[in-house]
């Protein structure tokens, strides 16, 4: 299935202005957008949702307006403004596996069209400064991961912490558990099914960002 996987990374700045005929995001997303206190955060959220819908339409070779957002949360059910991204097409679930992540004004997208129903994806994009706060290791890393970090030169540790966090987030998005699963009990150093992303579409990630992909 990895050969059918499509990955894209986009800068969100200016995306709204360049969208000539943006698709309807749906009422749940519009309500969520209205709750952002920061105009920048609101615009990035809306731009990310538009980008995802355009991406999904490209994967299925349909018009974006044919898709209706239908996010699924394991706790809240279908039709949410959060959770695993998905769409309806012609009244039924669009045959897609999707994941998306935002960080520092960038958006990472992953998708497989006509995927088996059981296929799940998770991607995560993080700034290398994500994991620099005091106490991060104790709340986020396993004992094995802490020992690994102790072998890394000081100047590289923040980047490696962010990589570990991206792997955890990607895995927990893929499983649907999210942070209901204690990240300090999830070892991702050698976990099969999750990997670092150093390039997307044949190009290196923007400076200051790390990413991970989980497939299961």
C-alpha atoms as a PDB file:
ATOM      1  CA  UNK A   1       0.000   0.000   0.000  1.00  0.00           C
ATOM      2  CA  UNK A   2       2.969   2.308   0.528  1.00  0.00           C
ATOM      3  CA  UNK A   3       3.368   2.633  -3.258  1.00  0.00           C
ATOM      4  CA  UNK A   4      -0.130   4.202  -3.428  1.00  0.00           C
ATOM      5  CA  UNK A   5       0.577   6.677  -0.647  1.00  0.00           C
ATOM      6  CA  UNK A   6       0.631  10.353  -1.594  1.00  0.00           C
ATOM      7  CA  UNK A   7       2.368  12.899   0.653  1.00  0.00           C
ATOM      8  CA  UNK A   8       2.335  16.677   0.246  1.00  0.00           C
ATOM      9  CA  UNK A   9       3.586  19.605   2.296  1.00  0.00           C
ATOM     10  CA  UNK A  10       2.251  23.148   1.831  1.00  0.00           C
ATOM     11  CA  UNK A  11       2.907  26.559   3.300  1.00  0.00           C
ATOM     12  CA  UNK A  12      -0.366  27.960   4.626  1.00  0.00           C
ATOM     13  CA  UNK A  13       0.477  31.667   4.316  1.00  0.00           C
ATOM     14  CA  UNK A  14      -1.543  33.188   1.495  1.00  0.00           C
ATOM     15  CA  UNK A  15      -3.422  29.994   0.748  1.00  0.00           C
ATOM     16  CA  UNK A  16      -6.837  31.551   1.446  1.00  0.00           C
ATOM     17  CA  UNK A  17      -6.134  34.496  -0.844  1.00  0.00           C
ATOM     18  CA  UNK A  18      -5.080  32.186  -3.676  1.00  0.00           C
ATOM     19  CA  UNK A  19      -8.112  29.873  -3.447  1.00  0.00           C
ATOM     20  CA  UNK A  20     -10.437  31.086  -6.227  1.00  0.00           C
ATOM     21  CA  UNK A  21     -13.406  28.851  -5.429  1.00  0.00           C
ATOM     22  CA  UNK A  22     -12.815  27.326  -1.997  1.00  0.00           C
ATOM     23  CA  UNK A  23     -15.058  24.361  -1.130  1.00  0.00           C
ATOM     24  CA  UNK A  24     -17.600  24.498   1.674  1.00  0.00           C
ATOM     25  CA  UNK A  25     -15.898  23.340   4.869  1.00  0.00           C
ATOM     26  CA  UNK A  26     -19.135  22.176   6.474  1.00  0.00           C
ATOM     27  CA  UNK A  27     -20.890  23.485   9.577  1.00  0.00           C
ATOM     28  CA  UNK A  28     -18.707  21.733  12.210  1.00  0.00           C
ATOM     29  CA  UNK A  29     -15.508  23.255  10.796  1.00  0.00           C
ATOM     30  CA  UNK A  30     -17.113  26.684  10.387  1.00  0.00           C
ATOM     31  CA  UNK A  31     -18.201  26.636  14.032  1.00  0.00           C
ATOM     32  CA  UNK A  32     -14.708  25.656  15.143  1.00  0.00           C
ATOM     33  CA  UNK A  33     -13.128  28.372  12.995  1.00  0.00           C
ATOM     34  CA  UNK A  34     -15.382  30.986  14.609  1.00  0.00           C
ATOM     35  CA  UNK A  35     -13.998  30.129  18.049  1.00  0.00           C
ATOM     36  CA  UNK A  36     -10.381  31.039  17.273  1.00  0.00           C
ATOM     37  CA  UNK A  37      -9.333  34.197  19.087  1.00  0.00           C
ATOM     38  CA  UNK A  38      -6.380  34.763  16.749  1.00  0.00           C
ATOM     39  CA  UNK A  39      -7.094  35.667  13.125  1.00  0.00           C
ATOM     40  CA  UNK A  40      -3.824  34.022  12.091  1.00  0.00           C
ATOM     41  CA  UNK A  41      -4.742  30.755  13.805  1.00  0.00           C
ATOM     42  CA  UNK A  42      -8.241  30.876  12.292  1.00  0.00           C
ATOM     43  CA  UNK A  43      -6.895  31.495   8.790  1.00  0.00           C
ATOM     44  CA  UNK A  44      -4.381  28.653   9.099  1.00  0.00           C
ATOM     45  CA  UNK A  45      -7.098  26.280  10.302  1.00  0.00           C
ATOM     46  CA  UNK A  46      -9.387  27.189   7.397  1.00  0.00           C
ATOM     47  CA  UNK A  47      -6.534  27.032   4.874  1.00  0.00           C
ATOM     48  CA  UNK A  48      -5.561  23.593   6.156  1.00  0.00           C
ATOM     49  CA  UNK A  49      -9.126  22.291   5.842  1.00  0.00           C
ATOM     50  CA  UNK A  50      -9.423  23.671   2.308  1.00  0.00           C
ATOM     51  CA  UNK A  51      -6.066  22.139   1.360  1.00  0.00           C
ATOM     52  CA  UNK A  52      -7.130  18.760   2.692  1.00  0.00           C
ATOM     53  CA  UNK A  53     -10.386  18.815   0.734  1.00  0.00           C
ATOM     54  CA  UNK A  54      -8.563  19.757  -2.481  1.00  0.00           C
ATOM     55  CA  UNK A  55      -6.037  17.000  -1.786  1.00  0.00           C
ATOM     56  CA  UNK A  56      -8.802  14.432  -1.256  1.00  0.00           C
ATOM     57  CA  UNK A  57     -10.554  15.505  -4.455  1.00  0.00           C
ATOM     58  CA  UNK A  58      -7.323  15.107  -6.408  1.00  0.00           C
ATOM     59  CA  UNK A  59      -6.812  11.609  -4.996  1.00  0.00           C
ATOM     60  CA  UNK A  60     -10.316  10.573  -6.131  1.00  0.00           C
ATOM     61  CA  UNK A  61     -10.340  12.620  -9.346  1.00  0.00           C
ATOM     62  CA  UNK A  62     -13.563  14.397  -8.383  1.00  0.00           C
ATOM     63  CA  UNK A  63     -14.535  18.020  -7.864  1.00  0.00           C
ATOM     64  CA  UNK A  64     -13.882  19.324  -4.332  1.00  0.00           C
ATOM     65  CA  UNK A  65     -17.514  20.445  -4.068  1.00  0.00           C
ATOM     66  CA  UNK A  66     -18.603  16.792  -4.402  1.00  0.00           C
ATOM     67  CA  UNK A  67     -17.009  16.003  -1.045  1.00  0.00           C
ATOM     68  CA  UNK A  68     -18.652  16.630   2.318  1.00  0.00           C
ATOM     69  CA  UNK A  69     -16.400  16.750   5.363  1.00  0.00           C
ATOM     70  CA  UNK A  70     -17.114  13.914   7.792  1.00  0.00           C
ATOM     71  CA  UNK A  71     -14.534  13.790  10.581  1.00  0.00           C
ATOM     72  CA  UNK A  72     -14.726  10.864  12.994  1.00  0.00           C
ATOM     73  CA  UNK A  73     -13.791  10.947  16.671  1.00  0.00           C
ATOM     74  CA  UNK A  74     -13.608   7.584  18.503  1.00  0.00           C
ATOM     75  CA  UNK A  75     -15.315   9.193  21.502  1.00  0.00           C
ATOM     76  CA  UNK A  76     -17.754  11.584  19.802  1.00  0.00           C
ATOM     77  CA  UNK A  77     -18.648   9.689  16.613  1.00  0.00           C
ATOM     78  CA  UNK A  78     -19.106  10.962  13.036  1.00  0.00           C
ATOM     79  CA  UNK A  79     -19.632  14.498  11.764  1.00  0.00           C
ATOM     80  CA  UNK A  80     -17.279  16.236  14.191  1.00  0.00           C
ATOM     81  CA  UNK A  81     -14.972  19.246  13.830  1.00  0.00           C
ATOM     82  CA  UNK A  82     -12.056  17.100  15.043  1.00  0.00           C
ATOM     83  CA  UNK A  83     -10.750  13.555  14.879  1.00  0.00           C
ATOM     84  CA  UNK A  84      -9.784  11.380  11.918  1.00  0.00           C
ATOM     85  CA  UNK A  85     -10.350  13.255   8.640  1.00  0.00           C
ATOM     86  CA  UNK A  86     -12.793  11.818   6.139  1.00  0.00           C
ATOM     87  CA  UNK A  87     -15.360  12.798   3.541  1.00  0.00           C
ATOM     88  CA  UNK A  88     -18.688  11.682   2.151  1.00  0.00           C
ATOM     89  CA  UNK A  89     -19.048  11.215  -1.599  1.00  0.00           C
ATOM     90  CA  UNK A  90     -22.468  10.628  -3.196  1.00  0.00           C
ATOM     91  CA  UNK A  91     -23.947  10.075   0.250  1.00  0.00           C
ATOM     92  CA  UNK A  92     -21.486   7.392   1.367  1.00  0.00           C
ATOM     93  CA  UNK A  93     -17.966   7.319   2.820  1.00  0.00           C
ATOM     94  CA  UNK A  94     -15.339   8.381   0.304  1.00  0.00           C
ATOM     95  CA  UNK A  95     -12.836   5.523  -0.245  1.00  0.00           C
ATOM     96  CA  UNK A  96      -9.892   7.303   1.351  1.00  0.00           C
ATOM     97  CA  UNK A  97      -7.406   6.945   4.162  1.00  0.00           C
ATOM     98  CA  UNK A  98      -6.252  10.420   5.224  1.00  0.00           C
ATOM     99  CA  UNK A  99      -4.160  12.211   7.804  1.00  0.00           C
ATOM    100  CA  UNK A 100      -2.995  15.798   8.234  1.00  0.00           C
ATOM    101  CA  UNK A 101      -0.804  17.843  10.557  1.00  0.00           C
ATOM    102  CA  UNK A 102       0.066  21.534  10.955  1.00  0.00           C
ATOM    103  CA  UNK A 103       3.161  23.162  12.440  1.00  0.00           C
ATOM    104  CA  UNK A 104       4.810  26.576  12.162  1.00  0.00           C
ATOM    105  CA  UNK A 105       2.651  27.670   9.233  1.00  0.00           C
ATOM    106  CA  UNK A 106       3.135  24.439   7.257  1.00  0.00           C
ATOM    107  CA  UNK A 107       0.728  21.601   6.483  1.00  0.00           C
ATOM    108  CA  UNK A 108       1.599  17.934   5.921  1.00  0.00           C
ATOM    109  CA  UNK A 109      -0.952  15.733   4.140  1.00  0.00           C
ATOM    110  CA  UNK A 110      -1.021  11.970   3.586  1.00  0.00           C
ATOM    111  CA  UNK A 111      -3.591   9.969   1.670  1.00  0.00           C
ATOM    112  CA  UNK A 112      -4.365   6.676  -0.054  1.00  0.00           C
ATOM    113  CA  UNK A 113      -7.263   6.466  -2.482  1.00  0.00           C
ATOM    114  CA  UNK A 114      -9.435   3.340  -2.690  1.00  0.00           C
ATOM    115  CA  UNK A 115      -7.667   2.003   0.354  1.00  0.00           C
ATOM    116  CA  UNK A 116      -8.807  -1.136   2.189  1.00  0.00           C
ATOM    117  CA  UNK A 117     -11.374  -0.184   4.806  1.00  0.00           C
ATOM    118  CA  UNK A 118      -9.078  -1.276   7.627  1.00  0.00           C
ATOM    119  CA  UNK A 119      -6.092   0.840   6.494  1.00  0.00           C
ATOM    120  CA  UNK A 120      -5.206   3.680   8.861  1.00  0.00           C
ATOM    121  CA  UNK A 121      -2.703   6.508   8.434  1.00  0.00           C
ATOM    122  CA  UNK A 122      -1.158   8.953  10.851  1.00  0.00           C
ATOM    123  CA  UNK A 123       1.217  11.809  10.088  1.00  0.00           C
ATOM    124  CA  UNK A 124       2.649  14.419  12.370  1.00  0.00           C
ATOM    125  CA  UNK A 125       4.629  17.573  11.658  1.00  0.00           C
ATOM    126  CA  UNK A 126       6.520  19.284  14.464  1.00  0.00           C
ATOM    127  CA  UNK A 127       8.820  22.231  14.998  1.00  0.00           C
ATOM    128  CA  UNK A 128      12.207  21.203  16.370  1.00  0.00           C
ATOM    129  CA  UNK A 129      11.438  23.567  19.271  1.00  0.00           C
ATOM    130  CA  UNK A 130       8.322  21.615  20.262  1.00  0.00           C
ATOM    131  CA  UNK A 131       9.942  19.524  22.960  1.00  0.00           C
ATOM    132  CA  UNK A 132      12.299  21.984  24.646  1.00  0.00           C
ATOM    133  CA  UNK A 133      10.274  22.744  27.758  1.00  0.00           C
ATOM    134  CA  UNK A 134      11.499  21.580  31.149  1.00  0.00           C
ATOM    135  CA  UNK A 135      10.036  18.243  32.187  1.00  0.00           C
ATOM    136  CA  UNK A 136       9.236  17.062  28.643  1.00  0.00           C
ATOM    137  CA  UNK A 137      11.248  13.862  28.997  1.00  0.00           C
ATOM    138  CA  UNK A 138       9.385  12.802  32.143  1.00  0.00           C
ATOM    139  CA  UNK A 139       5.904  13.283  30.700  1.00  0.00           C
ATOM    140  CA  UNK A 140       6.534  12.135  27.124  1.00  0.00           C
ATOM    141  CA  UNK A 141       9.383   9.603  26.907  1.00  0.00           C
ATOM    142  CA  UNK A 142       9.879   6.009  27.980  1.00  0.00           C
ATOM    143  CA  UNK A 143      12.938   4.902  29.933  1.00  0.00           C
ATOM    144  CA  UNK A 144      14.400   3.407  26.740  1.00  0.00           C
ATOM    145  CA  UNK A 145      13.924   6.674  24.869  1.00  0.00           C
ATOM    146  CA  UNK A 146      15.573   8.635  27.682  1.00  0.00           C
ATOM    147  CA  UNK A 147      18.595   6.317  27.546  1.00  0.00           C
ATOM    148  CA  UNK A 148      18.746   6.849  23.780  1.00  0.00           C
ATOM    149  CA  UNK A 149      18.742  10.639  24.221  1.00  0.00           C
ATOM    150  CA  UNK A 150      21.605  10.390  26.704  1.00  0.00           C
ATOM    151  CA  UNK A 151      23.796   9.069  23.863  1.00  0.00           C
ATOM    152  CA  UNK A 152      22.994  12.024  21.576  1.00  0.00           C
ATOM    153  CA  UNK A 153      25.216  15.154  21.495  1.00  0.00           C
ATOM    154  CA  UNK A 154      23.638  18.039  23.411  1.00  0.00           C
ATOM    155  CA  UNK A 155      23.177  20.214  20.315  1.00  0.00           C
ATOM    156  CA  UNK A 156      21.086  17.491  18.616  1.00  0.00           C
ATOM    157  CA  UNK A 157      18.876  16.479  21.532  1.00  0.00           C
ATOM    158  CA  UNK A 158      16.040  18.963  20.953  1.00  0.00           C
ATOM    159  CA  UNK A 159      15.715  17.801  17.362  1.00  0.00           C
ATOM    160  CA  UNK A 160      15.705  14.161  18.443  1.00  0.00           C
ATOM    161  CA  UNK A 161      13.096  14.880  21.118  1.00  0.00           C
ATOM    162  CA  UNK A 162      10.883  16.457  18.459  1.00  0.00           C
ATOM    163  CA  UNK A 163      11.383  13.431  16.200  1.00  0.00           C
ATOM    164  CA  UNK A 164      10.321  11.078  18.965  1.00  0.00           C
ATOM    165  CA  UNK A 165       7.271  13.238  19.686  1.00  0.00           C
ATOM    166  CA  UNK A 166       6.321  13.303  15.989  1.00  0.00           C
ATOM    167  CA  UNK A 167       6.516   9.505  15.890  1.00  0.00           C
ATOM    168  CA  UNK A 168       4.292   9.221  18.961  1.00  0.00           C
ATOM    169  CA  UNK A 169       1.715  11.659  17.573  1.00  0.00           C
ATOM    170  CA  UNK A 170       1.690   9.914  14.171  1.00  0.00           C
ATOM    171  CA  UNK A 171       1.213   6.519  15.818  1.00  0.00           C
ATOM    172  CA  UNK A 172      -1.571   7.706  18.119  1.00  0.00           C
ATOM    173  CA  UNK A 173      -3.366   9.399  15.211  1.00  0.00           C
ATOM    174  CA  UNK A 174      -3.128   6.151  13.253  1.00  0.00           C
ATOM    175  CA  UNK A 175      -4.563   4.065  16.101  1.00  0.00           C
ATOM    176  CA  UNK A 176      -7.165   6.704  16.949  1.00  0.00           C
ATOM    177  CA  UNK A 177      -6.149   6.741  20.625  1.00  0.00           C
ATOM    178  CA  UNK A 178      -4.683  10.230  20.651  1.00  0.00           C
ATOM    179  CA  UNK A 179      -3.367  11.431  23.987  1.00  0.00           C
ATOM    180  CA  UNK A 180      -5.788   9.175  25.839  1.00  0.00           C
ATOM    181  CA  UNK A 181      -2.789   6.842  25.625  1.00  0.00           C
ATOM    182  CA  UNK A 182       0.024   7.989  27.922  1.00  0.00           C
ATOM    183  CA  UNK A 183       2.900   8.913  25.545  1.00  0.00           C
ATOM    184  CA  UNK A 184       5.425   8.059  28.262  1.00  0.00           C
ATOM    185  CA  UNK A 185       4.284   4.433  27.933  1.00  0.00           C
ATOM    186  CA  UNK A 186       4.590   4.320  24.126  1.00  0.00           C
ATOM    187  CA  UNK A 187       8.077   3.418  22.901  1.00  0.00           C
ATOM    188  CA  UNK A 188       8.588   4.446  19.257  1.00  0.00           C
ATOM    189  CA  UNK A 189      12.343   4.004  18.839  1.00  0.00           C
ATOM    190  CA  UNK A 190      12.087   0.632  17.096  1.00  0.00           C
ATOM    191  CA  UNK A 191       8.323   0.342  16.627  1.00  0.00           C
ATOM    192  CA  UNK A 192       7.341  -1.226  13.331  1.00  0.00           C
ATOM    193  CA  UNK A 193       4.851   0.765  11.277  1.00  0.00           C
ATOM    194  CA  UNK A 194       6.158   4.226  12.159  1.00  0.00           C
ATOM    195  CA  UNK A 195       9.026   6.066  10.484  1.00  0.00           C
ATOM    196  CA  UNK A 196      10.640   9.478  10.191  1.00  0.00           C
ATOM    197  CA  UNK A 197       9.899  11.513   7.059  1.00  0.00           C
ATOM    198  CA  UNK A 198      12.997  13.323   5.845  1.00  0.00           C
ATOM    199  CA  UNK A 199      11.575  14.171   2.427  1.00  0.00           C
ATOM    200  CA  UNK A 200       8.084  14.764   1.036  1.00  0.00           C
ATOM    201  CA  UNK A 201       7.498  14.526  -2.690  1.00  0.00           C
ATOM    202  CA  UNK A 202      11.213  14.145  -3.262  1.00  0.00           C
ATOM    203  CA  UNK A 203      12.063  17.390  -1.455  1.00  0.00           C
ATOM    204  CA  UNK A 204      13.575  17.883   1.978  1.00  0.00           C
ATOM    205  CA  UNK A 205      11.304  19.164   4.727  1.00  0.00           C
ATOM    206  CA  UNK A 206      11.573  22.894   5.470  1.00  0.00           C
ATOM    207  CA  UNK A 207      14.277  23.820   7.958  1.00  0.00           C
ATOM    208  CA  UNK A 208      13.223  23.568  11.578  1.00  0.00           C
ATOM    209  CA  UNK A 209      10.588  20.886  10.991  1.00  0.00           C
ATOM    210  CA  UNK A 210      10.510  17.147  11.559  1.00  0.00           C
ATOM    211  CA  UNK A 211       7.802  14.667  10.559  1.00  0.00           C
ATOM    212  CA  UNK A 212       6.718  11.083  10.979  1.00  0.00           C
ATOM    213  CA  UNK A 213       4.366   8.655   9.243  1.00  0.00           C
ATOM    214  CA  UNK A 214       2.531   5.679  10.758  1.00  0.00           C
ATOM    215  CA  UNK A 215       0.672   3.046   8.737  1.00  0.00           C
ATOM    216  CA  UNK A 216      -1.375   0.203  10.137  1.00  0.00           C
END
